[in-house]
Amino acid sequence: MIQWQKSSFSGGAAGNECVELAHRDGTLLLRESDEPDRILPLSPVGLVALLRRIRAERP
């Protein structure tokens, strides 16, 4: 069973709007709580690139 960890930056007191991260077989897994069956597999380098892109586009 995959153990998901909620991001500390996620909003919503009732568990809504959560981004969750897990680790399995050397791959990082990312999902949004709204669509738990939609999982994005990432390498550690891929996750860093994604986070940098998101930060660069923030106002």
Protein backbone atom coordinates (compact mmCIF):
# COMPACT_ATOMS: atom_id res chain seq x y z
CA MET A 1 0.00 0.00 0.00
CA ILE A 2 1.25 3.48 -0.88
CA GLN A 3 1.65 5.86 2.05
CA TRP A 4 0.66 9.35 0.91
CA GLN A 5 1.87 12.48 2.70
CA LYS A 6 -0.10 15.72 2.51
CA SER A 7 1.84 18.81 1.56
CA SER A 8 2.17 21.40 4.31
CA PHE A 9 1.25 24.02 1.67
CA SER A 10 -2.12 22.40 0.94
CA GLY A 11 -5.27 24.29 1.85
CA GLY A 12 -8.68 23.29 3.03
CA ALA A 13 -9.47 22.23 6.57
CA ALA A 14 -11.67 19.34 5.49
CA GLY A 15 -8.92 17.74 3.41
CA ASN A 16 -9.86 19.50 0.19
CA GLU A 17 -7.33 21.04 -2.15
CA CYS A 18 -4.52 18.76 -0.99
CA VAL A 19 -1.41 17.86 -2.90
CA GLU A 20 0.02 14.54 -1.75
CA LEU A 21 3.40 12.94 -2.31
CA ALA A 22 4.53 9.33 -1.96
CA HIS A 23 7.59 7.22 -2.78
CA ARG A 24 7.56 3.82 -4.44
CA ASP A 25 10.37 1.85 -6.09
CA GLY A 26 12.66 4.87 -6.51
CA THR A 27 9.93 7.01 -8.07
CA LEU A 28 8.11 9.93 -6.50
CA LEU A 29 4.35 9.97 -6.93
CA LEU A 30 2.30 13.15 -6.92
CA ARG A 31 -1.49 13.46 -6.82
CA GLU A 32 -4.23 15.91 -5.98
CA SER A 33 -6.83 14.81 -3.42
CA ASP A 34 -9.65 15.79 -5.79
CA GLU A 35 -8.53 13.06 -8.23
CA PRO A 36 -6.73 10.40 -6.18
CA ASP A 37 -6.62 7.91 -9.07
CA ARG A 38 -4.72 10.36 -11.26
CA ILE A 39 -1.08 9.91 -10.21
CA LEU A 40 1.91 11.66 -11.73
CA PRO A 41 5.14 9.63 -11.43
CA LEU A 42 8.26 11.82 -11.20
CA SER A 43 11.96 11.40 -10.74
CA PRO A 44 13.51 13.57 -8.03
CA VAL A 45 15.00 15.75 -10.79
CA GLY A 46 11.59 16.02 -12.45
CA LEU A 47 9.98 17.13 -9.20
CA VAL A 48 12.61 19.83 -8.69
CA ALA A 49 12.02 21.06 -12.26
CA LEU A 50 8.25 21.14 -11.69
CA LEU A 51 8.60 23.11 -8.44
CA ARG A 52 11.01 25.59 -10.05
CA ARG A 53 8.59 26.14 -12.91
CA ILE A 54 5.66 26.70 -10.55
CA ARG A 55 7.66 29.17 -8.45
CA ALA A 56 8.83 31.05 -11.54
CA GLU A 57 5.25 31.53 -12.73
CA ARG A 58 3.84 32.77 -9.41
CA PRO A 59 2.90 36.45 -9.36
